Amino acid sequence: MEELTRLMKLYELKKEITKFLLEIKMKTSSLGFNYWLSAIEYSVSKTFGNGYEIPRMSEIYSLIAKKHYTSISCAEKAMRYAKEESRYKIIFNIEHNLKNNDFLTLCTDKIIEKCFTNSGVNSRK
């Protein structure tokens, strides 16, 4: 029963992340879409487990490369391309390009905020 509960929570998390990436108009046909999905899922999970410590991008790129059978440089490039082709700057009213680690932090915060809002909790404090 616990395993089913864990799987349901993971499914809901992936659903929220996908919804978020679609809101910022990230192209689903881009390899980077799936890489960001995995990266944000890992970041949110690690953040909850480590007292709000966002993982380093080198750790993320290694994880993505292993999980998706690609190189670290290809993972970084695909993620950067997918991010820059999305409309995150317009939607979040940002005038400059964010680095991948800043974008990951923004995404992690937004997903955690949505998860807490959906569960009836208004803040992480």
PDB file of N, CA and C in Angstrom:
ATOM      1  N   MET A   1       0.811  -1.194   0.000  1.00  0.00           N
ATOM      2  CA  MET A   1       0.000   0.000   0.000  1.00  0.00           C
ATOM      3  C   MET A   1       0.858   1.264   0.000  1.00  0.00           C
ATOM      4  N   GLU A   2       1.950   1.243   0.766  1.00  0.00           N
ATOM      5  CA  GLU A   2       2.846   2.396   0.803  1.00  0.00           C
ATOM      6  C   GLU A   2       3.462   2.654  -0.564  1.00  0.00           C
ATOM      7  N   GLU A   3       3.808   1.578  -1.270  1.00  0.00           N
ATOM      8  CA  GLU A   3       4.395   1.716  -2.606  1.00  0.00           C
ATOM      9  C   GLU A   3       3.399   2.361  -3.558  1.00  0.00           C
ATOM     10  N   LEU A   4       2.143   2.000  -3.454  1.00  0.00           N
ATOM     11  CA  LEU A   4       1.108   2.598  -4.297  1.00  0.00           C
ATOM     12  C   LEU A   4       0.952   4.080  -3.988  1.00  0.00           C
ATOM     13  N   THR A   5       0.985   4.441  -2.728  1.00  0.00           N
ATOM     14  CA  THR A   5       0.895   5.843  -2.326  1.00  0.00           C
ATOM     15  C   THR A   5       2.080   6.630  -2.872  1.00  0.00           C
ATOM     16  N   ARG A   6       3.283   6.063  -2.771  1.00  0.00           N
ATOM     17  CA  ARG A   6       4.478   6.726  -3.291  1.00  0.00           C
ATOM     18  C   ARG A   6       4.385   6.914  -4.803  1.00  0.00           C
ATOM     19  N   LEU A   7       3.917   5.908  -5.504  1.00  0.00           N
ATOM     20  CA  LEU A   7       3.766   6.004  -6.959  1.00  0.00           C
ATOM     21  C   LEU A   7       2.726   7.048  -7.356  1.00  0.00           C
ATOM     22  N   MET A   8       1.651   7.136  -6.579  1.00  0.00           N
ATOM     23  CA  MET A   8       0.620   8.142  -6.858  1.00  0.00           C
ATOM     24  C   MET A   8       1.173   9.550  -6.658  1.00  0.00           C
ATOM     25  N   LYS A   9       1.965   9.745  -5.606  1.00  0.00           N
ATOM     26  CA  LYS A   9       2.575  11.053  -5.363  1.00  0.00           C
ATOM     27  C   LYS A   9       3.551  11.410  -6.476  1.00  0.00           C
ATOM     28  N   LEU A  10       4.317  10.437  -6.933  1.00  0.00           N
ATOM     29  CA  LEU A  10       5.251  10.656  -8.035  1.00  0.00           C
ATOM     30  C   LEU A  10       4.499  11.013  -9.313  1.00  0.00           C
ATOM     31  N   TYR A  11       3.399  10.314  -9.565  1.00  0.00           N
ATOM     32  CA  TYR A  11       2.569  10.602 -10.734  1.00  0.00           C
ATOM     33  C   TYR A  11       2.011  12.026 -10.671  1.00  0.00           C
ATOM     34  N   GLU A  12       1.522  12.430  -9.516  1.00  0.00           N
ATOM     35  CA  GLU A  12       0.982  13.790  -9.349  1.00  0.00           C
ATOM     36  C   GLU A  12       2.070  14.843  -9.534  1.00  0.00           C
ATOM     37  N   LEU A  13       3.275  14.553  -9.024  1.00  0.00           N
ATOM     38  CA  LEU A  13       4.388  15.475  -9.186  1.00  0.00           C
ATOM     39  C   LEU A  13       4.734  15.638 -10.667  1.00  0.00           C
ATOM     40  N   LYS A  14       4.837  14.528 -11.389  1.00  0.00           N
ATOM     41  CA  LYS A  14       5.147  14.597 -12.826  1.00  0.00           C
ATOM     42  C   LYS A  14       4.056  15.346 -13.590  1.00  0.00           C
ATOM     43  N   LYS A  15       2.823  15.150 -13.175  1.00  0.00           N
ATOM     44  CA  LYS A  15       1.706  15.846 -13.814  1.00  0.00           C
ATOM     45  C   LYS A  15       1.809  17.355 -13.607  1.00  0.00           C
ATOM     46  N   GLU A  16       2.152  17.787 -12.394  1.00  0.00           N
ATOM     47  CA  GLU A  16       2.312  19.216 -12.094  1.00  0.00           C
ATOM     48  C   GLU A  16       3.478  19.821 -12.876  1.00  0.00           C
ATOM     49  N   ILE A  17       4.580  19.080 -12.959  1.00  0.00           N
ATOM     50  CA  ILE A  17       5.746  19.570 -13.690  1.00  0.00           C
ATOM     51  C   ILE A  17       5.430  19.700 -15.175  1.00  0.00           C
ATOM     52  N   THR A  18       4.777  18.703 -15.741  1.00  0.00           N
ATOM     53  CA  THR A  18       4.399  18.742 -17.159  1.00  0.00           C
ATOM     54  C   THR A  18       3.476  19.919 -17.423  1.00  0.00           C
ATOM     55  N   LYS A  19       2.507  20.103 -16.555  1.00  0.00           N
ATOM     56  CA  LYS A  19       1.574  21.228 -16.689  1.00  0.00           C
ATOM     57  C   LYS A  19       2.327  22.562 -16.656  1.00  0.00           C
ATOM     58  N   PHE A  20       3.284  22.681 -15.745  1.00  0.00           N
ATOM     59  CA  PHE A  20       4.087  23.895 -15.628  1.00  0.00           C
ATOM     60  C   PHE A  20       4.901  24.137 -16.908  1.00  0.00           C
ATOM     61  N   LEU A  21       5.569  23.108 -17.404  1.00  0.00           N
ATOM     62  CA  LEU A  21       6.376  23.261 -18.621  1.00  0.00           C
ATOM     63  C   LEU A  21       5.513  23.622 -19.827  1.00  0.00           C
ATOM     64  N   LEU A  22       4.313  23.100 -19.871  1.00  0.00           N
ATOM     65  CA  LEU A  22       3.389  23.462 -20.953  1.00  0.00           C
ATOM     66  C   LEU A  22       2.902  24.903 -20.799  1.00  0.00           C
ATOM     67  N   GLU A  23       2.728  25.361 -19.567  1.00  0.00           N
ATOM     68  CA  GLU A  23       2.310  26.744 -19.315  1.00  0.00           C
ATOM     69  C   GLU A  23       3.334  27.748 -19.834  1.00  0.00           C
ATOM     70  N   ILE A  24       4.615  27.396 -19.747  1.00  0.00           N
ATOM     71  CA  ILE A  24       5.645  28.312 -20.239  1.00  0.00           C
ATOM     72  C   ILE A  24       5.949  28.061 -21.717  1.00  0.00           C
ATOM     73  N   LYS A  25       5.120  27.248 -22.339  1.00  0.00           N
ATOM     74  CA  LYS A  25       5.196  26.971 -23.780  1.00  0.00           C
ATOM     75  C   LYS A  25       6.496  26.284 -24.194  1.00  0.00           C
ATOM     76  N   MET A  26       6.994  25.379 -23.353  1.00  0.00           N
ATOM     77  CA  MET A  26       8.147  24.591 -23.741  1.00  0.00           C
ATOM     78  C   MET A  26       7.660  23.523 -24.718  1.00  0.00           C
ATOM     79  N   LYS A  27       8.374  23.356 -25.807  1.00  0.00           N
ATOM     80  CA  LYS A  27       7.959  22.416 -26.848  1.00  0.00           C
ATOM     81  C   LYS A  27       8.143  20.976 -26.367  1.00  0.00           C
ATOM     82  N   THR A  28       7.074  20.205 -26.462  1.00  0.00           N
ATOM     83  CA  THR A  28       7.135  18.809 -26.029  1.00  0.00           C
ATOM     84  C   THR A  28       7.954  17.962 -26.992  1.00  0.00           C
ATOM     85  N   SER A  29       8.142  18.438 -28.203  1.00  0.00           N
ATOM     86  CA  SER A  29       8.919  17.689 -29.189  1.00  0.00           C
ATOM     87  C   SER A  29      10.422  17.821 -28.955  1.00  0.00           C
ATOM     88  N   SER A  30      10.812  18.715 -28.101  1.00  0.00           N
ATOM     89  CA  SER A  30      12.224  18.940 -27.792  1.00  0.00           C
ATOM     90  C   SER A  30      12.722  17.893 -26.796  1.00  0.00           C
ATOM     91  N   LEU A  31      13.931  17.389 -27.030  1.00  0.00           N
ATOM     92  CA  LEU A  31      14.544  16.475 -26.054  1.00  0.00           C
ATOM     93  C   LEU A  31      14.636  17.134 -24.685  1.00  0.00           C
ATOM     94  N   GLY A  32      14.900  18.417 -24.698  1.00  0.00           N
ATOM     95  CA  GLY A  32      15.055  19.163 -23.459  1.00  0.00           C
ATOM     96  C   GLY A  32      13.822  19.127 -22.578  1.00  0.00           C
ATOM     97  N   PHE A  33      12.643  18.982 -23.168  1.00  0.00           N
ATOM     98  CA  PHE A  33      11.407  18.904 -22.385  1.00  0.00           C
ATOM     99  C   PHE A  33      11.485  17.741 -21.402  1.00  0.00           C
ATOM    100  N   ASN A  34      11.831  16.557 -21.903  1.00  0.00           N
ATOM    101  CA  ASN A  34      11.930  15.378 -21.030  1.00  0.00           C
ATOM    102  C   ASN A  34      13.083  15.510 -20.046  1.00  0.00           C
ATOM    103  N   TYR A  35      14.167  16.153 -20.472  1.00  0.00           N
ATOM    104  CA  TYR A  35      15.291  16.363 -19.572  1.00  0.00           C
ATOM    105  C   TYR A  35      14.900  17.297 -18.429  1.00  0.00           C
ATOM    106  N   TRP A  36      14.173  18.376 -18.764  1.00  0.00           N
ATOM    107  CA  TRP A  36      13.721  19.296 -17.715  1.00  0.00           C
ATOM    108  C   TRP A  36      12.728  18.610 -16.782  1.00  0.00           C
ATOM    109  N   LEU A  37      11.862  17.784 -17.339  1.00  0.00           N
ATOM    110  CA  LEU A  37      10.905  17.043 -16.523  1.00  0.00           C
ATOM    111  C   LEU A  37      11.651  16.206 -15.482  1.00  0.00           C
ATOM    112  N   SER A  38      12.668  15.480 -15.918  1.00  0.00           N
ATOM    113  CA  SER A  38      13.466  14.654 -14.998  1.00  0.00           C
ATOM    114  C   SER A  38      14.236  15.516 -13.999  1.00  0.00           C
ATOM    115  N   ALA A  39      14.815  16.605 -14.484  1.00  0.00           N
ATOM    116  CA  ALA A  39      15.624  17.478 -13.621  1.00  0.00           C
ATOM    117  C   ALA A  39      14.778  18.121 -12.528  1.00  0.00           C
ATOM    118  N   ILE A  40      13.618  18.616 -12.896  1.00  0.00           N
ATOM    119  CA  ILE A  40      12.751  19.279 -11.910  1.00  0.00           C
ATOM    120  C   ILE A  40      12.210  18.261 -10.913  1.00  0.00           C
ATOM    121  N   GLU A  41      11.837  17.097 -11.404  1.00  0.00           N
ATOM    122  CA  GLU A  41      11.355  16.039 -10.508  1.00  0.00           C
ATOM    123  C   GLU A  41      12.440  15.690  -9.480  1.00  0.00           C
ATOM    124  N   TYR A  42      13.659  15.526  -9.938  1.00  0.00           N
ATOM    125  CA  TYR A  42      14.776  15.209  -9.039  1.00  0.00           C
ATOM    126  C   TYR A  42      15.020  16.355  -8.062  1.00  0.00           C
ATOM    127  N   SER A  43      15.003  17.574  -8.567  1.00  0.00           N
ATOM    128  CA  SER A  43      15.263  18.743  -7.728  1.00  0.00           C
ATOM    129  C   SER A  43      14.211  18.900  -6.644  1.00  0.00           C
ATOM    130  N   VAL A  44      12.942  18.731  -6.995  1.00  0.00           N
ATOM    131  CA  VAL A  44      11.868  18.847  -6.007  1.00  0.00           C
ATOM    132  C   VAL A  44      12.017  17.746  -4.953  1.00  0.00           C
ATOM    133  N   SER A  45      12.285  16.528  -5.397  1.00  0.00           N
ATOM    134  CA  SER A  45      12.447  15.412  -4.456  1.00  0.00           C
ATOM    135  C   SER A  45      13.636  15.639  -3.531  1.00  0.00           C
ATOM    136  N   LYS A  46      14.745  16.083  -4.086  1.00  0.00           N
ATOM    137  CA  LYS A  46      15.954  16.320  -3.285  1.00  0.00           C
ATOM    138  C   LYS A  46      15.764  17.513  -2.353  1.00  0.00           C
ATOM    139  N   THR A  47      15.064  18.535  -2.829  1.00  0.00           N
ATOM    140  CA  THR A  47      14.825  19.725  -2.021  1.00  0.00           C
ATOM    141  C   THR A  47      14.043  19.372  -0.762  1.00  0.00           C
ATOM    142  N   PHE A  48      13.003  18.557  -0.905  1.00  0.00           N
ATOM    143  CA  PHE A  48      12.213  18.159   0.262  1.00  0.00           C
ATOM    144  C   PHE A  48      13.033  17.305   1.213  1.00  0.00           C
ATOM    145  N   GLY A  49      13.930  16.483   0.685  1.00  0.00           N
ATOM    146  CA  GLY A  49      14.718  15.582   1.523  1.00  0.00           C
ATOM    147  C   GLY A  49      15.899  16.244   2.208  1.00  0.00           C
ATOM    148  N   ASN A  50      16.341  17.409   1.714  1.00  0.00           N
ATOM    149  CA  ASN A  50      17.563  18.020   2.243  1.00  0.00           C
ATOM    150  C   ASN A  50      17.359  19.421   2.792  1.00  0.00           C
ATOM    151  N   GLY A  51      16.202  19.742   3.262  1.00  0.00           N
ATOM    152  CA  GLY A  51      15.995  21.056   3.848  1.00  0.00           C
ATOM    153  C   GLY A  51      16.204  22.190   2.868  1.00  0.00           C
ATOM    154  N   TYR A  52      15.628  22.077   1.726  1.00  0.00           N
ATOM    155  CA  TYR A  52      15.652  23.089   0.676  1.00  0.00           C
ATOM    156  C   TYR A  52      17.055  23.357   0.138  1.00  0.00           C
ATOM    157  N   GLU A  53      17.721  22.298  -0.262  1.00  0.00           N
ATOM    158  CA  GLU A  53      19.028  22.410  -0.899  1.00  0.00           C
ATOM    159  C   GLU A  53      18.883  21.997  -2.362  1.00  0.00           C
ATOM    160  N   ILE A  54      18.975  22.972  -3.267  1.00  0.00           N
ATOM    161  CA  ILE A  54      18.848  22.694  -4.698  1.00  0.00           C
ATOM    162  C   ILE A  54      20.139  22.013  -5.164  1.00  0.00           C
ATOM    163  N   PRO A  55      20.015  20.915  -5.904  1.00  0.00           N
ATOM    164  CA  PRO A  55      21.227  20.223  -6.365  1.00  0.00           C
ATOM    165  C   PRO A  55      22.023  21.050  -7.378  1.00  0.00           C
ATOM    166  N   ARG A  56      23.311  20.770  -7.483  1.00  0.00           N
ATOM    167  CA  ARG A  56      24.175  21.453  -8.443  1.00  0.00           C
ATOM    168  C   ARG A  56      23.836  20.966  -9.854  1.00  0.00           C
ATOM    169  N   MET A  57      24.069  21.837 -10.826  1.00  0.00           N
ATOM    170  CA  MET A  57      23.758  21.478 -12.210  1.00  0.00           C
ATOM    171  C   MET A  57      24.634  20.333 -12.702  1.00  0.00           C
ATOM    172  N   SER A  58      25.868  20.235 -12.232  1.00  0.00           N
ATOM    173  CA  SER A  58      26.725  19.119 -12.641  1.00  0.00           C
ATOM    174  C   SER A  58      26.097  17.787 -12.221  1.00  0.00           C
ATOM    175  N   GLU A  59      25.486  17.773 -11.045  1.00  0.00           N
ATOM    176  CA  GLU A  59      24.787  16.576 -10.560  1.00  0.00           C
ATOM    177  C   GLU A  59      23.566  16.287 -11.444  1.00  0.00           C
ATOM    178  N   ILE A  60      22.845  17.330 -11.798  1.00  0.00           N
ATOM    179  CA  ILE A  60      21.656  17.194 -12.653  1.00  0.00           C
ATOM    180  C   ILE A  60      22.047  16.667 -14.037  1.00  0.00           C
ATOM    181  N   TYR A  61      23.069  17.277 -14.649  1.00  0.00           N
ATOM    182  CA  TYR A  61      23.491  16.851 -15.987  1.00  0.00           C
ATOM    183  C   TYR A  61      23.946  15.393 -15.990  1.00  0.00           C
ATOM    184  N   SER A  62      24.661  14.983 -14.962  1.00  0.00           N
ATOM    185  CA  SER A  62      25.101  13.584 -14.860  1.00  0.00           C
ATOM    186  C   SER A  62      23.901  12.644 -14.758  1.00  0.00           C
ATOM    187  N   LEU A  63      22.952  13.030 -13.924  1.00  0.00           N
ATOM    188  CA  LEU A  63      21.741  12.228 -13.760  1.00  0.00           C
ATOM    189  C   LEU A  63      20.978  12.111 -15.083  1.00  0.00           C
ATOM    190  N   ILE A  64      20.798  13.226 -15.774  1.00  0.00           N
ATOM    191  CA  ILE A  64      20.059  13.235 -17.044  1.00  0.00           C
ATOM    192  C   ILE A  64      20.784  12.394 -18.078  1.00  0.00           C
ATOM    193  N   ALA A  65      22.103  12.551 -18.156  1.00  0.00           N
ATOM    194  CA  ALA A  65      22.890  11.797 -19.135  1.00  0.00           C
ATOM    195  C   ALA A  65      22.737  10.289 -18.916  1.00  0.00           C
ATOM    196  N   LYS A  66      22.808   9.854 -17.665  1.00  0.00           N
ATOM    197  CA  LYS A  66      22.660   8.430 -17.359  1.00  0.00           C
ATOM    198  C   LYS A  66      21.246   7.942 -17.637  1.00  0.00           C
ATOM    199  N   LYS A  67      20.272   8.699 -17.190  1.00  0.00           N
ATOM    200  CA  LYS A  67      18.870   8.286 -17.318  1.00  0.00           C
ATOM    201  C   LYS A  67      18.398   8.238 -18.772  1.00  0.00           C
ATOM    202  N   HIS A  68      18.894   9.174 -19.579  1.00  0.00           N
ATOM    203  CA  HIS A  68      18.417   9.279 -20.960  1.00  0.00           C
ATOM    204  C   HIS A  68      19.453   8.814 -21.989  1.00  0.00           C
ATOM    205  N   TYR A  69      20.496   8.161 -21.518  1.00  0.00           N
ATOM    206  CA  TYR A  69      21.532   7.575 -22.394  1.00  0.00           C
ATOM    207  C   TYR A  69      22.111   8.593 -23.377  1.00  0.00           C
ATOM    208  N   THR A  70      22.626   9.670 -22.836  1.00  0.00           N
ATOM    209  CA  THR A  70      23.243  10.709 -23.647  1.00  0.00           C
ATOM    210  C   THR A  70      24.481  11.224 -22.922  1.00  0.00           C
ATOM    211  N   SER A  71      25.156  12.168 -23.519  1.00  0.00           N
ATOM    212  CA  SER A  71      26.338  12.743 -22.867  1.00  0.00           C
ATOM    213  C   SER A  71      25.918  13.944 -22.014  1.00  0.00           C
ATOM    214  N   ILE A  72      26.787  14.324 -21.109  1.00  0.00           N
ATOM    215  CA  ILE A  72      26.526  15.470 -20.247  1.00  0.00           C
ATOM    216  C   ILE A  72      26.396  16.740 -21.082  1.00  0.00           C
ATOM    217  N   SER A  73      27.271  16.920 -22.072  1.00  0.00           N
ATOM    218  CA  SER A  73      27.220  18.136 -22.892  1.00  0.00           C
ATOM    219  C   SER A  73      25.947  18.184 -23.743  1.00  0.00           C
ATOM    220  N   CYS A  74      25.491  17.029 -24.235  1.00  0.00           N
ATOM    221  CA  CYS A  74      24.238  17.003 -25.006  1.00  0.00           C
ATOM    222  C   CYS A  74      23.040  17.322 -24.113  1.00  0.00           C
ATOM    223  N   ALA A  75      23.068  16.820 -22.885  1.00  0.00           N
ATOM    224  CA  ALA A  75      21.984  17.105 -21.942  1.00  0.00           C
ATOM    225  C   ALA A  75      21.927  18.601 -21.652  1.00  0.00           C
ATOM    226  N   GLU A  76      23.085  19.197 -21.379  1.00  0.00           N
ATOM    227  CA  GLU A  76      23.130  20.633 -21.082  1.00  0.00           C
ATOM    228  C   GLU A  76      22.624  21.454 -22.262  1.00  0.00           C
ATOM    229  N   LYS A  77      23.075  21.116 -23.446  1.00  0.00           N
ATOM    230  CA  LYS A  77      22.686  21.874 -24.642  1.00  0.00           C
ATOM    231  C   LYS A  77      21.192  21.735 -24.927  1.00  0.00           C
ATOM    232  N   ALA A  78      20.667  20.517 -24.822  1.00  0.00           N
ATOM    233  CA  ALA A  78      19.236  20.301 -25.077  1.00  0.00           C
ATOM    234  C   ALA A  78      18.373  21.040 -24.061  1.00  0.00           C
ATOM    235  N   MET A  79      18.802  21.048 -22.811  1.00  0.00           N
ATOM    236  CA  MET A  79      18.055  21.744 -21.772  1.00  0.00           C
ATOM    237  C   MET A  79      18.105  23.254 -21.998  1.00  0.00           C
ATOM    238  N   ARG A  80      19.277  23.754 -22.345  1.00  0.00           N
ATOM    239  CA  ARG A  80      19.421  25.195 -22.609  1.00  0.00           C
ATOM    240  C   ARG A  80      18.566  25.610 -23.802  1.00  0.00           C
ATOM    241  N   TYR A  81      18.588  24.814 -24.862  1.00  0.00           N
ATOM    242  CA  TYR A  81      17.808  25.120 -26.057  1.00  0.00           C
ATOM    243  C   TYR A  81      16.312  25.113 -25.754  1.00  0.00           C
ATOM    244  N   ALA A  82      15.834  24.090 -25.061  1.00  0.00           N
ATOM    245  CA  ALA A  82      14.408  23.993 -24.739  1.00  0.00           C
ATOM    246  C   ALA A  82      13.973  25.170 -23.872  1.00  0.00           C
ATOM    247  N   LYS A  83      14.822  25.540 -22.924  1.00  0.00           N
ATOM    248  CA  LYS A  83      14.521  26.670 -22.033  1.00  0.00           C
ATOM    249  C   LYS A  83      14.439  27.966 -22.831  1.00  0.00           C
ATOM    250  N   GLU A  84      15.434  28.210 -23.675  1.00  0.00           N
ATOM    251  CA  GLU A  84      15.477  29.471 -24.429  1.00  0.00           C
ATOM    252  C   GLU A  84      14.381  29.564 -25.486  1.00  0.00           C
ATOM    253  N   GLU A  85      13.906  28.442 -25.981  1.00  0.00           N
ATOM    254  CA  GLU A  85      12.822  28.446 -26.962  1.00  0.00           C
ATOM    255  C   GLU A  85      11.445  28.564 -26.310  1.00  0.00           C
ATOM    256  N   SER A  86      11.401  28.378 -24.998  1.00  0.00           N
ATOM    257  CA  SER A  86      10.119  28.522 -24.294  1.00  0.00           C
ATOM    258  C   SER A  86       9.826  30.007 -24.104  1.00  0.00           C
ATOM    259  N   ARG A  87       8.699  30.303 -23.495  1.00  0.00           N
ATOM    260  CA  ARG A  87       8.293  31.694 -23.283  1.00  0.00           C
ATOM    261  C   ARG A  87       8.362  32.080 -21.813  1.00  0.00           C
ATOM    262  N   TYR A  88       9.309  31.503 -21.091  1.00  0.00           N
ATOM    263  CA  TYR A  88       9.396  31.760 -19.653  1.00  0.00           C
ATOM    264  C   TYR A  88       9.637  33.232 -19.342  1.00  0.00           C
ATOM    265  N   LYS A  89      10.400  33.923 -20.196  1.00  0.00           N
ATOM    266  CA  LYS A  89      10.694  35.341 -19.925  1.00  0.00           C
ATOM    267  C   LYS A  89       9.425  36.186 -19.979  1.00  0.00           C
ATOM    268  N   ILE A  90       8.557  35.900 -20.916  1.00  0.00           N
ATOM    269  CA  ILE A  90       7.296  36.646 -21.049  1.00  0.00           C
ATOM    270  C   ILE A  90       6.362  36.300 -19.889  1.00  0.00           C
ATOM    271  N   ILE A  91       6.223  35.026 -19.610  1.00  0.00           N
ATOM    272  CA  ILE A  91       5.281  34.574 -18.594  1.00  0.00           C
ATOM    273  C   ILE A  91       5.690  35.027 -17.197  1.00  0.00           C
ATOM    274  N   PHE A  92       6.997  35.048 -16.913  1.00  0.00           N
ATOM    275  CA  PHE A  92       7.466  35.461 -15.592  1.00  0.00           C
ATOM    276  C   PHE A  92       8.006  36.882 -15.569  1.00  0.00           C
ATOM    277  N   ASN A  93       7.808  37.608 -16.668  1.00  0.00           N
ATOM    278  CA  ASN A  93       8.209  39.008 -16.762  1.00  0.00           C
ATOM    279  C   ASN A  93       9.694  39.206 -16.413  1.00  0.00           C
ATOM    280  N   ILE A  94      10.530  38.418 -17.089  1.00  0.00           N
ATOM    281  CA  ILE A  94      11.980  38.477 -16.899  1.00  0.00           C
ATOM    282  C   ILE A  94      12.570  39.043 -18.185  1.00  0.00           C
ATOM    283  N   GLU A  95      13.466  40.015 -18.053  1.00  0.00           N
ATOM    284  CA  GLU A  95      14.018  40.675 -19.233  1.00  0.00           C
ATOM    285  C   GLU A  95      15.311  40.057 -19.744  1.00  0.00           C
ATOM    286  N   HIS A  96      15.941  39.217 -18.973  1.00  0.00           N
ATOM    287  CA  HIS A  96      17.225  38.636 -19.385  1.00  0.00           C
ATOM    288  C   HIS A  96      17.129  37.107 -19.395  1.00  0.00           C
ATOM    289  N   ASN A  97      18.092  36.471 -20.067  1.00  0.00           N
ATOM    290  CA  ASN A  97      18.139  35.013 -20.086  1.00  0.00           C
ATOM    291  C   ASN A  97      18.612  34.494 -18.734  1.00  0.00           C
ATOM    292  N   LEU A  98      17.966  33.458 -18.263  1.00  0.00           N
ATOM    293  CA  LEU A  98      18.400  32.803 -17.032  1.00  0.00           C
ATOM    294  C   LEU A  98      19.368  31.677 -17.372  1.00  0.00           C
ATOM    295  N   LYS A  99      20.335  31.467 -16.506  1.00  0.00           N
ATOM    296  CA  LYS A  99      21.189  30.290 -16.641  1.00  0.00           C
ATOM    297  C   LYS A  99      20.350  29.083 -16.250  1.00  0.00           C
ATOM    298  N   ASN A 100      20.791  27.893 -16.673  1.00  0.00           N
ATOM    299  CA  ASN A 100      20.023  26.687 -16.373  1.00  0.00           C
ATOM    300  C   ASN A 100      19.811  26.489 -14.874  1.00  0.00           C
ATOM    301  N   ASN A 101      20.817  26.793 -14.060  1.00  0.00           N
ATOM    302  CA  ASN A 101      20.632  26.597 -12.615  1.00  0.00           C
ATOM    303  C   ASN A 101      19.602  27.577 -12.039  1.00  0.00           C
ATOM    304  N   ASP A 102      19.560  28.796 -12.555  1.00  0.00           N
ATOM    305  CA  ASP A 102      18.551  29.761 -12.104  1.00  0.00           C
ATOM    306  C   ASP A 102      17.156  29.338 -12.549  1.00  0.00           C
ATOM    307  N   PHE A 103      17.072  28.824 -13.762  1.00  0.00           N
ATOM    308  CA  PHE A 103      15.794  28.337 -14.282  1.00  0.00           C
ATOM    309  C   PHE A 103      15.308  27.144 -13.462  1.00  0.00           C
ATOM    310  N   LEU A 104      16.218  26.238 -13.112  1.00  0.00           N
ATOM    311  CA  LEU A 104      15.852  25.085 -12.292  1.00  0.00           C
ATOM    312  C   LEU A 104      15.332  25.534 -10.927  1.00  0.00           C
ATOM    313  N   THR A 105      15.978  26.528 -10.337  1.00  0.00           N
ATOM    314  CA  THR A 105      15.526  27.057  -9.046  1.00  0.00           C
ATOM    315  C   THR A 105      14.126  27.652  -9.165  1.00  0.00           C
ATOM    316  N   LEU A 106      13.901  28.430 -10.225  1.00  0.00           N
ATOM    317  CA  LEU A 106      12.582  29.020 -10.470  1.00  0.00           C
ATOM    318  C   LEU A 106      11.527  27.923 -10.620  1.00  0.00           C
ATOM    319  N   CYS A 107      11.827  26.919 -11.432  1.00  0.00           N
ATOM    320  CA  CYS A 107      10.878  25.825 -11.656  1.00  0.00           C
ATOM    321  C   CYS A 107      10.605  25.050 -10.376  1.00  0.00           C
ATOM    322  N   THR A 108      11.659  24.749  -9.624  1.00  0.00           N
ATOM    323  CA  THR A 108      11.504  24.009  -8.366  1.00  0.00           C
ATOM    324  C   THR A 108      10.615  24.787  -7.396  1.00  0.00           C
ATOM    325  N   ASP A 109      10.873  26.079  -7.277  1.00  0.00           N
ATOM    326  CA  ASP A 109      10.050  26.915  -6.399  1.00  0.00           C
ATOM    327  C   ASP A 109       8.590  26.928  -6.836  1.00  0.00           C
ATOM    328  N   LYS A 110       8.355  27.066  -8.132  1.00  0.00           N
ATOM    329  CA  LYS A 110       6.980  27.117  -8.642  1.00  0.00           C
ATOM    330  C   LYS A 110       6.252  25.797  -8.400  1.00  0.00           C
ATOM    331  N   ILE A 111       6.933  24.687  -8.616  1.00  0.00           N
ATOM    332  CA  ILE A 111       6.298  23.377  -8.418  1.00  0.00           C
ATOM    333  C   ILE A 111       6.014  23.150  -6.934  1.00  0.00           C
ATOM    334  N   ILE A 112       6.961  23.483  -6.073  1.00  0.00           N
ATOM    335  CA  ILE A 112       6.732  23.323  -4.634  1.00  0.00           C
ATOM    336  C   ILE A 112       5.573  24.208  -4.192  1.00  0.00           C
ATOM    337  N   GLU A 113       5.539  25.434  -4.697  1.00  0.00           N
ATOM    338  CA  GLU A 113       4.448  26.356  -4.382  1.00  0.00           C
ATOM    339  C   GLU A 113       3.101  25.774  -4.812  1.00  0.00           C
ATOM    340  N   LYS A 114       3.050  25.217  -6.017  1.00  0.00           N
ATOM    341  CA  LYS A 114       1.802  24.622  -6.502  1.00  0.00           C
ATOM    342  C   LYS A 114       1.407  23.413  -5.666  1.00  0.00           C
ATOM    343  N   CYS A 115       2.369  22.587  -5.308  1.00  0.00           N
ATOM    344  CA  CYS A 115       2.064  21.397  -4.509  1.00  0.00           C
ATOM    345  C   CYS A 115       1.518  21.783  -3.142  1.00  0.00           C
ATOM    346  N   PHE A 116       2.118  22.807  -2.521  1.00  0.00           N
ATOM    347  CA  PHE A 116       1.632  23.246  -1.217  1.00  0.00           C
ATOM    348  C   PHE A 116       0.275  23.931  -1.345  1.00  0.00           C
ATOM    349  N   THR A 117       0.077  24.700  -2.392  1.00  0.00           N
ATOM    350  CA  THR A 117      -1.209  25.363  -2.609  1.00  0.00           C
ATOM    351  C   THR A 117      -2.301  24.318  -2.816  1.00  0.00           C
ATOM    352  N   ASN A 118      -1.995  23.286  -3.612  1.00  0.00           N
ATOM    353  CA  ASN A 118      -2.981  22.235  -3.887  1.00  0.00           C
ATOM    354  C   ASN A 118      -3.301  21.410  -2.648  1.00  0.00           C
ATOM    355  N   SER A 119      -2.342  21.324  -1.707  1.00  0.00           N
ATOM    356  CA  SER A 119      -2.598  20.522  -0.513  1.00  0.00           C
ATOM    357  C   SER A 119      -3.205  21.357   0.618  1.00  0.00           C
ATOM    358  N   GLY A 120      -3.437  22.658   0.353  1.00  0.00           N
ATOM    359  CA  GLY A 120      -4.074  23.486   1.356  1.00  0.00           C
ATOM    360  C   GLY A 120      -3.101  24.243   2.248  1.00  0.00           C
ATOM    361  N   VAL A 121      -1.815  24.094   2.019  1.00  0.00           N
ATOM    362  CA  VAL A 121      -0.807  24.803   2.809  1.00  0.00           C
ATOM    363  C   VAL A 121      -0.366  26.018   2.017  1.00  0.00           C
ATOM    364  N   ASN A 122      -0.310  27.187   2.651  1.00  0.00           N
ATOM    365  CA  ASN A 122      -0.013  28.410   1.935  1.00  0.00           C
ATOM    366  C   ASN A 122       1.457  28.759   1.866  1.00  0.00           C
ATOM    367  N   SER A 123       2.286  28.210   2.731  1.00  0.00           N
ATOM    368  CA  SER A 123       3.704  28.537   2.663  1.00  0.00           C
ATOM    369  C   SER A 123       4.533  27.368   3.192  1.00  0.00           C
ATOM    370  N   ARG A 124       5.844  27.424   2.875  1.00  0.00           N
ATOM    371  CA  ARG A 124       6.750  26.384   3.315  1.00  0.00           C
ATOM    372  C   ARG A 124       7.273  26.644   4.704  1.00  0.00           C
ATOM    373  N   LYS A 125       7.047  27.808   5.259  1.00  0.00           N
ATOM    374  CA  LYS A 125       7.609  28.183   6.556  1.00  0.00           C
ATOM    375  C   LYS A 125       6.809  27.631   7.695  1.00  0.00           C
TER     376      LYS A 125
END
